[in-house]
PDB file of N, CA and C in Angstrom:
ATOM      1  N   UNK A   1     159.269 185.374  52.789  1.00  0.00           N
ATOM      2  CA  UNK A   1     159.615 184.746  51.740  1.00  0.00           C
ATOM      3  C   UNK A   1     158.464 184.476  50.424  1.00  0.00           C
ATOM      4  N   UNK A   2     158.758 184.715  49.040  1.00  0.00           N
ATOM      5  CA  UNK A   2     157.934 184.322  48.150  1.00  0.00           C
ATOM      6  C   UNK A   2     158.000 182.973  47.647  1.00  0.00           C
ATOM      7  N   UNK A   3     156.722 182.439  47.430  1.00  0.00           N
ATOM      8  CA  UNK A   3     156.690 181.059  46.913  1.00  0.00           C
ATOM      9  C   UNK A   3     156.265 181.470  45.504  1.00  0.00           C
ATOM     10  N   UNK A   4     157.100 180.690  44.727  1.00  0.00           N
ATOM     11  CA  UNK A   4     157.003 180.813  43.261  1.00  0.00           C
ATOM     12  C   UNK A   4     155.700 179.984  42.827  1.00  0.00           C
ATOM     13  N   UNK A   5     155.040 180.560  41.719  1.00  0.00           N
ATOM     14  CA  UNK A   5     153.791 179.875  41.284  1.00  0.00           C
ATOM     15  C   UNK A   5     154.133 179.338  40.053  1.00  0.00           C
ATOM     16  N   UNK A   6     154.005 177.991  39.833  1.00  0.00           N
ATOM     17  CA  UNK A   6     154.236 177.361  38.545  1.00  0.00           C
ATOM     18  C   UNK A   6     153.361 177.855  37.545  1.00  0.00           C
ATOM     19  N   UNK A   7     153.684 178.270  36.375  1.00  0.00           N
ATOM     20  CA  UNK A   7     153.016 179.166  35.106  1.00  0.00           C
ATOM     21  C   UNK A   7     152.920 178.150  33.912  1.00  0.00           C
ATOM     22  N   UNK A   8     154.061 177.282  33.719  1.00  0.00           N
ATOM     23  CA  UNK A   8     154.212 176.718  32.669  1.00  0.00           C
ATOM     24  C   UNK A   8     155.005 175.364  32.686  1.00  0.00           C
ATOM     25  N   UNK A   9     154.944 174.443  31.728  1.00  0.00           N
ATOM     26  CA  UNK A   9     155.781 173.297  31.903  1.00  0.00           C
ATOM     27  C   UNK A   9     156.422 173.276  30.262  1.00  0.00           C
ATOM     28  N   UNK A  10     157.457 172.898  30.035  1.00  0.00           N
ATOM     29  CA  UNK A  10     158.009 172.599  28.673  1.00  0.00           C
ATOM     30  C   UNK A  10     158.075 171.075  28.529  1.00  0.00           C
ATOM     31  N   UNK A  11     157.464 170.670  27.322  1.00  0.00           N
ATOM     32  CA  UNK A  11     157.822 169.300  27.038  1.00  0.00           C
ATOM     33  C   UNK A  11     158.804 169.065  25.743  1.00  0.00           C
ATOM     34  N   UNK A  12     159.904 168.494  26.118  1.00  0.00           N
ATOM     35  CA  UNK A  12     160.967 168.401  25.065  1.00  0.00           C
ATOM     36  C   UNK A  12     160.579 167.087  24.184  1.00  0.00           C
ATOM     37  N   UNK A  13     160.634 167.423  22.786  1.00  0.00           N
ATOM     38  CA  UNK A  13     160.332 166.084  21.926  1.00  0.00           C
ATOM     39  C   UNK A  13     161.315 166.101  20.589  1.00  0.00           C
ATOM     40  N   UNK A  14     161.271 164.899  19.906  1.00  0.00           N
ATOM     41  CA  UNK A  14     162.053 164.985  18.806  1.00  0.00           C
ATOM     42  C   UNK A  14     160.939 165.598  17.557  1.00  0.00           C
ATOM     43  N   UNK A  15     159.581 165.560  17.908  1.00  0.00           N
ATOM     44  CA  UNK A  15     158.603 165.867  16.651  1.00  0.00           C
ATOM     45  C   UNK A  15     157.638 166.631  17.197  1.00  0.00           C
ATOM     46  N   UNK A  16     158.032 168.134  17.557  1.00  0.00           N
ATOM     47  CA  UNK A  16     157.002 168.956  18.228  1.00  0.00           C
ATOM     48  C   UNK A  16     155.837 169.188  17.410  1.00  0.00           C
ATOM     49  N   UNK A  17     155.913 169.343  15.999  1.00  0.00           N
ATOM     50  CA  UNK A  17     154.596 169.615  15.357  1.00  0.00           C
ATOM     51  C   UNK A  17     153.667 168.787  15.645  1.00  0.00           C
ATOM     52  N   UNK A  18     153.894 167.345  15.793  1.00  0.00           N
ATOM     53  CA  UNK A  18     153.160 166.272  15.970  1.00  0.00           C
ATOM     54  C   UNK A  18     152.480 166.317  17.472  1.00  0.00           C
ATOM     55  N   UNK A  19     153.526 166.504  18.219  1.00  0.00           N
ATOM     56  CA  UNK A  19     153.051 166.411  19.532  1.00  0.00           C
ATOM     57  C   UNK A  19     152.206 167.699  19.901  1.00  0.00           C
ATOM     58  N   UNK A  20     152.332 168.666  19.355  1.00  0.00           N
ATOM     59  CA  UNK A  20     151.598 170.126  19.533  1.00  0.00           C
ATOM     60  C   UNK A  20     150.194 169.760  19.005  1.00  0.00           C
ATOM     61  N   UNK A  21     150.088 169.181  17.843  1.00  0.00           N
ATOM     62  CA  UNK A  21     148.850 168.675  17.207  1.00  0.00           C
ATOM     63  C   UNK A  21     147.930 168.138  18.011  1.00  0.00           C
ATOM     64  N   UNK A  22     148.522 166.886  18.748  1.00  0.00           N
ATOM     65  CA  UNK A  22     148.001 165.969  19.419  1.00  0.00           C
ATOM     66  C   UNK A  22     147.480 166.658  20.949  1.00  0.00           C
ATOM     67  N   UNK A  23     148.146 167.660  21.541  1.00  0.00           N
ATOM     68  CA  UNK A  23     147.748 168.334  22.816  1.00  0.00           C
ATOM     69  C   UNK A  23     146.612 169.159  22.297  1.00  0.00           C
ATOM     70  N   UNK A  24     146.808 169.798  21.081  1.00  0.00           N
ATOM     71  CA  UNK A  24     145.771 170.681  20.742  1.00  0.00           C
ATOM     72  C   UNK A  24     144.141 169.921  20.543  1.00  0.00           C
ATOM     73  N   UNK A  25     144.493 168.768  19.757  1.00  0.00           N
ATOM     74  CA  UNK A  25     143.241 167.991  19.515  1.00  0.00           C
ATOM     75  C   UNK A  25     142.746 167.397  20.661  1.00  0.00           C
ATOM     76  N   UNK A  26     143.436 166.936  21.762  1.00  0.00           N
ATOM     77  CA  UNK A  26     142.911 166.217  22.855  1.00  0.00           C
ATOM     78  C   UNK A  26     142.391 167.252  24.158  1.00  0.00           C
ATOM     79  N   UNK A  27     143.238 168.207  24.145  1.00  0.00           N
ATOM     80  CA  UNK A  27     143.142 169.028  25.404  1.00  0.00           C
ATOM     81  C   UNK A  27     142.557 170.549  25.181  1.00  0.00           C
ATOM     82  N   UNK A  28     142.895 171.320  23.943  1.00  0.00           N
ATOM     83  CA  UNK A  28     142.763 172.366  23.635  1.00  0.00           C
ATOM     84  C   UNK A  28     142.309 172.631  22.244  1.00  0.00           C
ATOM     85  N   UNK A  29     140.965 172.181  21.857  1.00  0.00           N
ATOM     86  CA  UNK A  29     140.677 172.261  20.305  1.00  0.00           C
ATOM     87  C   UNK A  29     140.559 173.629  20.128  1.00  0.00           C
ATOM     88  N   UNK A  30     140.433 174.589  20.737  1.00  0.00           N
ATOM     89  CA  UNK A  30     140.397 175.974  20.177  1.00  0.00           C
ATOM     90  C   UNK A  30     141.584 176.508  20.128  1.00  0.00           C
ATOM     91  N   UNK A  31     142.559 175.933  20.373  1.00  0.00           N
ATOM     92  CA  UNK A  31     143.891 176.712  20.393  1.00  0.00           C
ATOM     93  C   UNK A  31     144.569 176.758  18.894  1.00  0.00           C
ATOM     94  N   UNK A  32     144.842 177.925  18.790  1.00  0.00           N
ATOM     95  CA  UNK A  32     145.464 178.252  17.284  1.00  0.00           C
ATOM     96  C   UNK A  32     147.003 178.678  17.357  1.00  0.00           C
ATOM     97  N   UNK A  33     147.771 178.358  16.466  1.00  0.00           N
ATOM     98  CA  UNK A  33     149.180 178.748  16.187  1.00  0.00           C
ATOM     99  C   UNK A  33     150.222 177.992  16.790  1.00  0.00           C
ATOM    100  N   UNK A  34     151.552 178.249  16.874  1.00  0.00           N
ATOM    101  CA  UNK A  34     152.545 177.449  17.320  1.00  0.00           C
ATOM    102  C   UNK A  34     153.075 177.855  18.672  1.00  0.00           C
ATOM    103  N   UNK A  35     152.549 179.054  19.413  1.00  0.00           N
ATOM    104  CA  UNK A  35     153.043 179.061  20.631  1.00  0.00           C
ATOM    105  C   UNK A  35     152.697 178.187  21.851  1.00  0.00           C
ATOM    106  N   UNK A  36     152.801 178.863  22.994  1.00  0.00           N
ATOM    107  CA  UNK A  36     152.272 178.076  24.217  1.00  0.00           C
ATOM    108  C   UNK A  36     151.023 177.652  24.098  1.00  0.00           C
ATOM    109  N   UNK A  37     150.404 176.526  24.477  1.00  0.00           N
ATOM    110  CA  UNK A  37     149.216 176.170  24.513  1.00  0.00           C
ATOM    111  C   UNK A  37     148.414 176.472  26.050  1.00  0.00           C
ATOM    112  N   UNK A  38     147.537 177.321  26.109  1.00  0.00           N
ATOM    113  CA  UNK A  38     146.918 177.690  27.302  1.00  0.00           C
ATOM    114  C   UNK A  38     145.937 176.535  27.700  1.00  0.00           C
ATOM    115  N   UNK A  39     146.124 176.285  29.050  1.00  0.00           N
ATOM    116  CA  UNK A  39     145.405 175.162  29.746  1.00  0.00           C
ATOM    117  C   UNK A  39     144.746 175.778  30.750  1.00  0.00           C
ATOM    118  N   UNK A  40     143.798 176.631  30.524  1.00  0.00           N
ATOM    119  CA  UNK A  40     143.367 177.433  31.734  1.00  0.00           C
ATOM    120  C   UNK A  40     144.274 178.260  32.453  1.00  0.00           C
ATOM    121  N   UNK A  41     145.187 178.924  31.867  1.00  0.00           N
ATOM    122  CA  UNK A  41     146.021 179.784  32.687  1.00  0.00           C
ATOM    123  C   UNK A  41     147.235 179.312  33.007  1.00  0.00           C
ATOM    124  N   UNK A  42     147.635 177.999  32.595  1.00  0.00           N
ATOM    125  CA  UNK A  42     148.651 177.273  32.574  1.00  0.00           C
ATOM    126  C   UNK A  42     149.385 176.793  31.242  1.00  0.00           C
ATOM    127  N   UNK A  43     150.380 177.447  30.901  1.00  0.00           N
ATOM    128  CA  UNK A  43     150.776 177.135  29.620  1.00  0.00           C
ATOM    129  C   UNK A  43     151.653 175.945  29.422  1.00  0.00           C
ATOM    130  N   UNK A  44     151.419 175.360  28.428  1.00  0.00           N
ATOM    131  CA  UNK A  44     152.079 174.069  28.065  1.00  0.00           C
ATOM    132  C   UNK A  44     153.046 174.441  26.534  1.00  0.00           C
ATOM    133  N   UNK A  45     154.419 174.463  26.963  1.00  0.00           N
ATOM    134  CA  UNK A  45     155.343 175.010  25.899  1.00  0.00           C
ATOM    135  C   UNK A  45     155.701 173.521  25.138  1.00  0.00           C
ATOM    136  N   UNK A  46     155.887 173.287  23.908  1.00  0.00           N
ATOM    137  CA  UNK A  46     156.203 172.032  23.379  1.00  0.00           C
ATOM    138  C   UNK A  46     157.547 172.562  22.519  1.00  0.00           C
ATOM    139  N   UNK A  47     158.592 171.943  22.697  1.00  0.00           N
ATOM    140  CA  UNK A  47     159.769 172.502  22.010  1.00  0.00           C
ATOM    141  C   UNK A  47     160.581 171.304  21.353  1.00  0.00           C
ATOM    142  N   UNK A  48     161.416 171.507  20.137  1.00  0.00           N
ATOM    143  CA  UNK A  48     162.188 170.634  19.681  1.00  0.00           C
ATOM    144  C   UNK A  48     163.399 170.355  20.621  1.00  0.00           C
ATOM    145  N   UNK A  49     163.721 169.163  21.025  1.00  0.00           N
ATOM    146  CA  UNK A  49     165.023 169.074  21.706  1.00  0.00           C
ATOM    147  C   UNK A  49     165.907 168.043  21.188  1.00  0.00           C
ATOM    148  N   UNK A  50     167.272 168.192  21.119  1.00  0.00           N
ATOM    149  CA  UNK A  50     168.272 167.265  20.591  1.00  0.00           C
ATOM    150  C   UNK A  50     168.727 166.300  21.738  1.00  0.00           C
ATOM    151  N   UNK A  51     168.471 166.515  22.892  1.00  0.00           N
ATOM    152  CA  UNK A  51     168.723 165.991  23.904  1.00  0.00           C
ATOM    153  C   UNK A  51     167.740 164.853  24.833  1.00  0.00           C
ATOM    154  N   UNK A  52     166.818 164.492  23.840  1.00  0.00           N
ATOM    155  CA  UNK A  52     165.817 163.483  24.296  1.00  0.00           C
ATOM    156  C   UNK A  52     165.697 162.475  23.366  1.00  0.00           C
ATOM    157  N   UNK A  53     165.141 161.172  23.794  1.00  0.00           N
ATOM    158  CA  UNK A  53     164.741 160.235  22.827  1.00  0.00           C
ATOM    159  C   UNK A  53     163.420 160.407  22.266  1.00  0.00           C
ATOM    160  N   UNK A  54     163.144 159.661  21.171  1.00  0.00           N
ATOM    161  CA  UNK A  54     161.642 159.641  20.383  1.00  0.00           C
ATOM    162  C   UNK A  54     160.345 159.385  21.726  1.00  0.00           C
ATOM    163  N   UNK A  55     160.992 158.554  22.521  1.00  0.00           N
ATOM    164  CA  UNK A  55     159.906 158.096  23.443  1.00  0.00           C
ATOM    165  C   UNK A  55     160.480 158.381  24.850  1.00  0.00           C
ATOM    166  N   UNK A  56     159.423 158.543  25.787  1.00  0.00           N
ATOM    167  CA  UNK A  56     159.961 158.682  27.243  1.00  0.00           C
ATOM    168  C   UNK A  56     160.296 157.350  27.897  1.00  0.00           C
ATOM    169  N   UNK A  57     161.413 157.151  28.361  1.00  0.00           N
ATOM    170  CA  UNK A  57     161.699 155.859  28.938  1.00  0.00           C
ATOM    171  C   UNK A  57     161.375 155.587  30.346  1.00  0.00           C
ATOM    172  N   UNK A  58     161.083 156.867  30.988  1.00  0.00           N
ATOM    173  CA  UNK A  58     160.606 156.717  32.402  1.00  0.00           C
ATOM    174  C   UNK A  58     159.472 157.653  32.593  1.00  0.00           C
ATOM    175  N   UNK A  59     158.321 157.559  31.945  1.00  0.00           N
ATOM    176  CA  UNK A  59     157.091 158.563  31.952  1.00  0.00           C
ATOM    177  C   UNK A  59     156.706 158.648  33.564  1.00  0.00           C
ATOM    178  N   UNK A  60     156.668 157.489  34.252  1.00  0.00           N
ATOM    179  CA  UNK A  60     156.294 157.650  35.760  1.00  0.00           C
ATOM    180  C   UNK A  60     156.981 158.710  36.491  1.00  0.00           C
ATOM    181  N   UNK A  61     158.105 159.176  36.167  1.00  0.00           N
ATOM    182  CA  UNK A  61     158.667 160.346  36.813  1.00  0.00           C
ATOM    183  C   UNK A  61     157.908 161.449  36.896  1.00  0.00           C
ATOM    184  N   UNK A  62     157.365 161.835  36.027  1.00  0.00           N
ATOM    185  CA  UNK A  62     156.397 163.045  36.158  1.00  0.00           C
ATOM    186  C   UNK A  62     155.120 163.001  35.463  1.00  0.00           C
ATOM    187  N   UNK A  63     154.014 163.197  35.987  1.00  0.00           N
ATOM    188  CA  UNK A  63     152.499 163.046  35.678  1.00  0.00           C
ATOM    189  C   UNK A  63     152.067 164.243  35.679  1.00  0.00           C
ATOM    190  N   UNK A  64     151.367 164.659  34.553  1.00  0.00           N
ATOM    191  CA  UNK A  64     150.946 166.080  34.585  1.00  0.00           C
ATOM    192  C   UNK A  64     149.309 165.639  34.741  1.00  0.00           C
ATOM    193  N   UNK A  65     148.958 166.462  35.993  1.00  0.00           N
ATOM    194  CA  UNK A  65     147.505 166.213  36.528  1.00  0.00           C
ATOM    195  C   UNK A  65     146.730 167.302  35.960  1.00  0.00           C
ATOM    196  N   UNK A  66     145.546 167.122  35.646  1.00  0.00           N
ATOM    197  CA  UNK A  66     144.424 167.875  35.277  1.00  0.00           C
ATOM    198  C   UNK A  66     143.236 167.775  36.135  1.00  0.00           C
ATOM    199  N   UNK A  67     143.142 168.695  37.046  1.00  0.00           N
ATOM    200  CA  UNK A  67     141.824 168.728  37.825  1.00  0.00           C
ATOM    201  C   UNK A  67     140.605 169.185  37.261  1.00  0.00           C
ATOM    202  N   UNK A  68     139.543 168.553  37.186  1.00  0.00           N
ATOM    203  CA  UNK A  68     138.566 168.767  36.514  1.00  0.00           C
ATOM    204  C   UNK A  68     137.084 168.778  37.379  1.00  0.00           C
ATOM    205  N   UNK A  69     136.314 169.559  36.870  1.00  0.00           N
ATOM    206  CA  UNK A  69     135.008 169.828  37.594  1.00  0.00           C
ATOM    207  C   UNK A  69     133.837 168.785  37.139  1.00  0.00           C
ATOM    208  N   UNK A  70     134.083 168.361  35.807  1.00  0.00           N
ATOM    209  CA  UNK A  70     133.101 167.518  35.126  1.00  0.00           C
ATOM    210  C   UNK A  70     133.711 166.542  34.752  1.00  0.00           C
ATOM    211  N   UNK A  71     134.202 165.537  35.500  1.00  0.00           N
ATOM    212  CA  UNK A  71     134.708 164.320  34.923  1.00  0.00           C
ATOM    213  C   UNK A  71     134.302 163.643  33.767  1.00  0.00           C
ATOM    214  N   UNK A  72     132.956 163.347  33.719  1.00  0.00           N
ATOM    215  CA  UNK A  72     132.247 162.747  32.743  1.00  0.00           C
ATOM    216  C   UNK A  72     132.427 163.444  31.331  1.00  0.00           C
ATOM    217  N   UNK A  73     132.448 164.686  31.377  1.00  0.00           N
ATOM    218  CA  UNK A  73     132.656 165.517  30.175  1.00  0.00           C
ATOM    219  C   UNK A  73     133.842 165.560  29.534  1.00  0.00           C
ATOM    220  N   UNK A  74     134.960 165.482  30.594  1.00  0.00           N
ATOM    221  CA  UNK A  74     136.491 165.639  29.931  1.00  0.00           C
ATOM    222  C   UNK A  74     136.765 164.076  29.672  1.00  0.00           C
ATOM    223  N   UNK A  75     136.080 163.062  30.089  1.00  0.00           N
ATOM    224  CA  UNK A  75     136.456 161.762  29.964  1.00  0.00           C
ATOM    225  C   UNK A  75     136.005 161.404  28.301  1.00  0.00           C
ATOM    226  N   UNK A  76     134.615 161.961  28.130  1.00  0.00           N
ATOM    227  CA  UNK A  76     134.000 161.833  26.983  1.00  0.00           C
ATOM    228  C   UNK A  76     134.834 162.557  25.895  1.00  0.00           C
ATOM    229  N   UNK A  77     135.325 163.758  25.993  1.00  0.00           N
ATOM    230  CA  UNK A  77     136.371 164.419  24.994  1.00  0.00           C
ATOM    231  C   UNK A  77     137.333 163.768  24.738  1.00  0.00           C
ATOM    232  N   UNK A  78     138.043 162.917  25.929  1.00  0.00           N
ATOM    233  CA  UNK A  78     139.335 162.320  25.824  1.00  0.00           C
ATOM    234  C   UNK A  78     139.154 161.107  24.730  1.00  0.00           C
ATOM    235  N   UNK A  79     138.001 160.434  25.244  1.00  0.00           N
ATOM    236  CA  UNK A  79     137.584 159.172  24.526  1.00  0.00           C
ATOM    237  C   UNK A  79     137.362 159.385  22.978  1.00  0.00           C
ATOM    238  N   UNK A  80     136.441 160.604  22.816  1.00  0.00           N
ATOM    239  CA  UNK A  80     136.569 160.737  21.413  1.00  0.00           C
ATOM    240  C   UNK A  80     137.522 161.243  20.663  1.00  0.00           C
ATOM    241  N   UNK A  81     138.676 161.780  21.186  1.00  0.00           N
ATOM    242  CA  UNK A  81     139.900 161.992  20.652  1.00  0.00           C
ATOM    243  C   UNK A  81     140.732 160.795  20.433  1.00  0.00           C
ATOM    244  N   UNK A  82     140.523 159.981  21.051  1.00  0.00           N
ATOM    245  CA  UNK A  82     141.146 158.350  20.890  1.00  0.00           C
ATOM    246  C   UNK A  82     142.392 158.460  21.664  1.00  0.00           C
ATOM    247  N   UNK A  83     142.251 158.985  22.822  1.00  0.00           N
ATOM    248  CA  UNK A  83     143.473 158.609  23.797  1.00  0.00           C
ATOM    249  C   UNK A  83     143.836 157.315  24.192  1.00  0.00           C
ATOM    250  N   UNK A  84     145.068 157.161  24.627  1.00  0.00           N
ATOM    251  CA  UNK A  84     145.502 155.761  24.834  1.00  0.00           C
ATOM    252  C   UNK A  84     145.606 155.723  26.288  1.00  0.00           C
ATOM    253  N   UNK A  85     144.468 155.159  26.909  1.00  0.00           N
ATOM    254  CA  UNK A  85     144.299 154.747  28.502  1.00  0.00           C
ATOM    255  C   UNK A  85     145.254 154.085  29.060  1.00  0.00           C
ATOM    256  N   UNK A  86     146.058 154.235  29.913  1.00  0.00           N
ATOM    257  CA  UNK A  86     147.043 153.468  30.671  1.00  0.00           C
ATOM    258  C   UNK A  86     146.311 153.023  31.699  1.00  0.00           C
ATOM    259  N   UNK A  87     145.775 153.574  32.694  1.00  0.00           N
ATOM    260  CA  UNK A  87     144.701 153.047  33.690  1.00  0.00           C
ATOM    261  C   UNK A  87     143.246 153.653  33.539  1.00  0.00           C
ATOM    262  N   UNK A  88     142.691 152.553  33.262  1.00  0.00           N
ATOM    263  CA  UNK A  88     141.152 153.210  33.058  1.00  0.00           C
ATOM    264  C   UNK A  88     140.680 154.021  34.125  1.00  0.00           C
ATOM    265  N   UNK A  89     139.509 154.662  33.695  1.00  0.00           N
ATOM    266  CA  UNK A  89     138.800 155.651  34.881  1.00  0.00           C
ATOM    267  C   UNK A  89     138.535 154.759  35.881  1.00  0.00           C
ATOM    268  N   UNK A  90     138.877 155.196  37.175  1.00  0.00           N
ATOM    269  CA  UNK A  90     138.270 154.319  38.154  1.00  0.00           C
ATOM    270  C   UNK A  90     138.012 155.480  39.557  1.00  0.00           C
ATOM    271  N   UNK A  91     136.871 154.789  40.213  1.00  0.00           N
ATOM    272  CA  UNK A  91     136.765 155.639  41.482  1.00  0.00           C
ATOM    273  C   UNK A  91     137.464 155.191  42.397  1.00  0.00           C
ATOM    274  N   UNK A  92     137.996 156.159  43.285  1.00  0.00           N
ATOM    275  CA  UNK A  92     138.897 155.742  44.433  1.00  0.00           C
ATOM    276  C   UNK A  92     138.348 156.631  45.510  1.00  0.00           C
ATOM    277  N   UNK A  93     138.822 156.170  47.010  1.00  0.00           N
ATOM    278  CA  UNK A  93     138.208 156.889  48.087  1.00  0.00           C
ATOM    279  C   UNK A  93     138.370 158.500  47.960  1.00  0.00           C
ATOM    280  N   UNK A  94     139.402 158.951  47.245  1.00  0.00           N
ATOM    281  CA  UNK A  94     139.794 160.343  47.231  1.00  0.00           C
ATOM    282  C   UNK A  94     139.052 160.987  45.930  1.00  0.00           C
ATOM    283  N   UNK A  95     138.583 160.261  45.016  1.00  0.00           N
ATOM    284  CA  UNK A  95     137.852 160.705  43.974  1.00  0.00           C
ATOM    285  C   UNK A  95     138.010 159.879  42.718  1.00  0.00           C
ATOM    286  N   UNK A  96     137.884 160.783  41.447  1.00  0.00           N
ATOM    287  CA  UNK A  96     137.842 159.687  40.151  1.00  0.00           C
ATOM    288  C   UNK A  96     139.347 160.144  39.466  1.00  0.00           C
ATOM    289  N   UNK A  97     139.944 158.816  38.855  1.00  0.00           N
ATOM    290  CA  UNK A  97     141.203 159.313  38.228  1.00  0.00           C
ATOM    291  C   UNK A  97     141.212 158.579  36.967  1.00  0.00           C
ATOM    292  N   UNK A  98     141.811 158.851  36.018  1.00  0.00           N
ATOM    293  CA  UNK A  98     142.057 158.182  34.700  1.00  0.00           C
ATOM    294  C   UNK A  98     143.333 158.615  34.123  1.00  0.00           C
ATOM    295  N   UNK A  99     144.223 157.707  33.746  1.00  0.00           N
ATOM    296  CA  UNK A  99     145.549 158.024  33.284  1.00  0.00           C
ATOM    297  C   UNK A  99     145.565 157.724  31.834  1.00  0.00           C
ATOM    298  N   UNK A 100     146.248 158.502  31.179  1.00  0.00           N
ATOM    299  CA  UNK A 100     146.522 158.389  29.643  1.00  0.00           C
ATOM    300  C   UNK A 100     147.828 158.803  29.448  1.00  0.00           C
ATOM    301  N   UNK A 101     148.246 158.549  27.908  1.00  0.00           N
ATOM    302  CA  UNK A 101     149.648 158.909  27.496  1.00  0.00           C
ATOM    303  C   UNK A 101     149.597 159.511  26.168  1.00  0.00           C
ATOM    304  N   UNK A 102     150.505 160.554  26.106  1.00  0.00           N
ATOM    305  CA  UNK A 102     150.672 161.336  24.757  1.00  0.00           C
ATOM    306  C   UNK A 102     151.543 160.489  23.931  1.00  0.00           C
ATOM    307  N   UNK A 103     151.646 160.813  22.466  1.00  0.00           N
ATOM    308  CA  UNK A 103     152.388 160.025  21.509  1.00  0.00           C
ATOM    309  C   UNK A 103     153.828 160.127  21.869  1.00  0.00           C
ATOM    310  N   UNK A 104     154.431 160.653  22.821  1.00  0.00           N
ATOM    311  CA  UNK A 104     155.677 160.324  23.209  1.00  0.00           C
ATOM    312  C   UNK A 104     155.872 159.707  24.533  1.00  0.00           C
ATOM    313  N   UNK A 105     154.827 159.203  25.032  1.00  0.00           N
ATOM    314  CA  UNK A 105     154.649 158.238  26.113  1.00  0.00           C
ATOM    315  C   UNK A 105     154.691 158.970  27.547  1.00  0.00           C
ATOM    316  N   UNK A 106     154.709 160.340  27.425  1.00  0.00           N
ATOM    317  CA  UNK A 106     154.360 161.018  28.583  1.00  0.00           C
ATOM    318  C   UNK A 106     153.059 160.823  29.278  1.00  0.00           C
ATOM    319  N   UNK A 107     152.970 160.998  30.632  1.00  0.00           N
ATOM    320  CA  UNK A 107     151.734 160.357  31.359  1.00  0.00           C
ATOM    321  C   UNK A 107     151.028 161.580  31.571  1.00  0.00           C
ATOM    322  N   UNK A 108     149.676 161.615  31.469  1.00  0.00           N
ATOM    323  CA  UNK A 108     148.714 162.542  31.979  1.00  0.00           C
ATOM    324  C   UNK A 108     147.640 161.918  32.644  1.00  0.00           C
ATOM    325  N   UNK A 109     146.890 162.594  33.586  1.00  0.00           N
ATOM    326  CA  UNK A 109     145.815 162.114  34.353  1.00  0.00           C
ATOM    327  C   UNK A 109     144.857 163.362  34.486  1.00  0.00           C
ATOM    328  N   UNK A 110     143.677 162.732  34.555  1.00  0.00           N
ATOM    329  CA  UNK A 110     142.386 163.645  34.968  1.00  0.00           C
ATOM    330  C   UNK A 110     141.864 163.220  36.311  1.00  0.00           C
ATOM    331  N   UNK A 111     141.691 164.249  37.113  1.00  0.00           N
ATOM    332  CA  UNK A 111     141.340 164.010  38.664  1.00  0.00           C
ATOM    333  C   UNK A 111     139.947 164.817  38.897  1.00  0.00           C
ATOM    334  N   UNK A 112     139.210 164.390  39.566  1.00  0.00           N
ATOM    335  CA  UNK A 112     138.061 165.060  39.999  1.00  0.00           C
ATOM    336  C   UNK A 112     138.045 164.541  41.521  1.00  0.00           C
ATOM    337  N   UNK A 113     138.489 165.374  42.529  1.00  0.00           N
ATOM    338  CA  UNK A 113     138.516 165.093  44.009  1.00  0.00           C
ATOM    339  C   UNK A 113     137.374 165.104  44.492  1.00  0.00           C
ATOM    340  N   UNK A 114     136.990 164.349  45.391  1.00  0.00           N
ATOM    341  CA  UNK A 114     135.649 164.500  46.124  1.00  0.00           C
ATOM    342  C   UNK A 114     135.875 165.601  47.261  1.00  0.00           C
ATOM    343  N   UNK A 115     134.941 166.303  47.593  1.00  0.00           N
ATOM    344  CA  UNK A 115     134.768 167.380  48.483  1.00  0.00           C
ATOM    345  C   UNK A 115     135.346 166.838  49.635  1.00  0.00           C
ATOM    346  N   UNK A 116     136.141 167.310  50.610  1.00  0.00           N
ATOM    347  CA  UNK A 116     136.573 167.022  51.666  1.00  0.00           C
ATOM    348  C   UNK A 116     135.369 166.720  52.989  1.00  0.00           C
TER     349      UNK A 116
END
């Protein structure tokens, strides 16, 4: 049996230009254009949707996790971009975590796991 490999995620929004600009500024400052944003080989597609509200009413249902090798550098980049931290950066037994939100209220998290 073949196991499908996730390659992209679509974020539906009522304001795609604003959300795309936010993701570019915060996570992919070098990205140009209106197409999918390449996040290290994983594509982020932001699309206008008429079947979603302006804010995500249940953002905890899906959290977009970013596994990082240099937590301090990514945290500094995110702080400089002015992200809204929901859960401050914390050391946990399994590694370092920090949770923030995009303008639509979707949750994102940076993680640097400890070596096993």
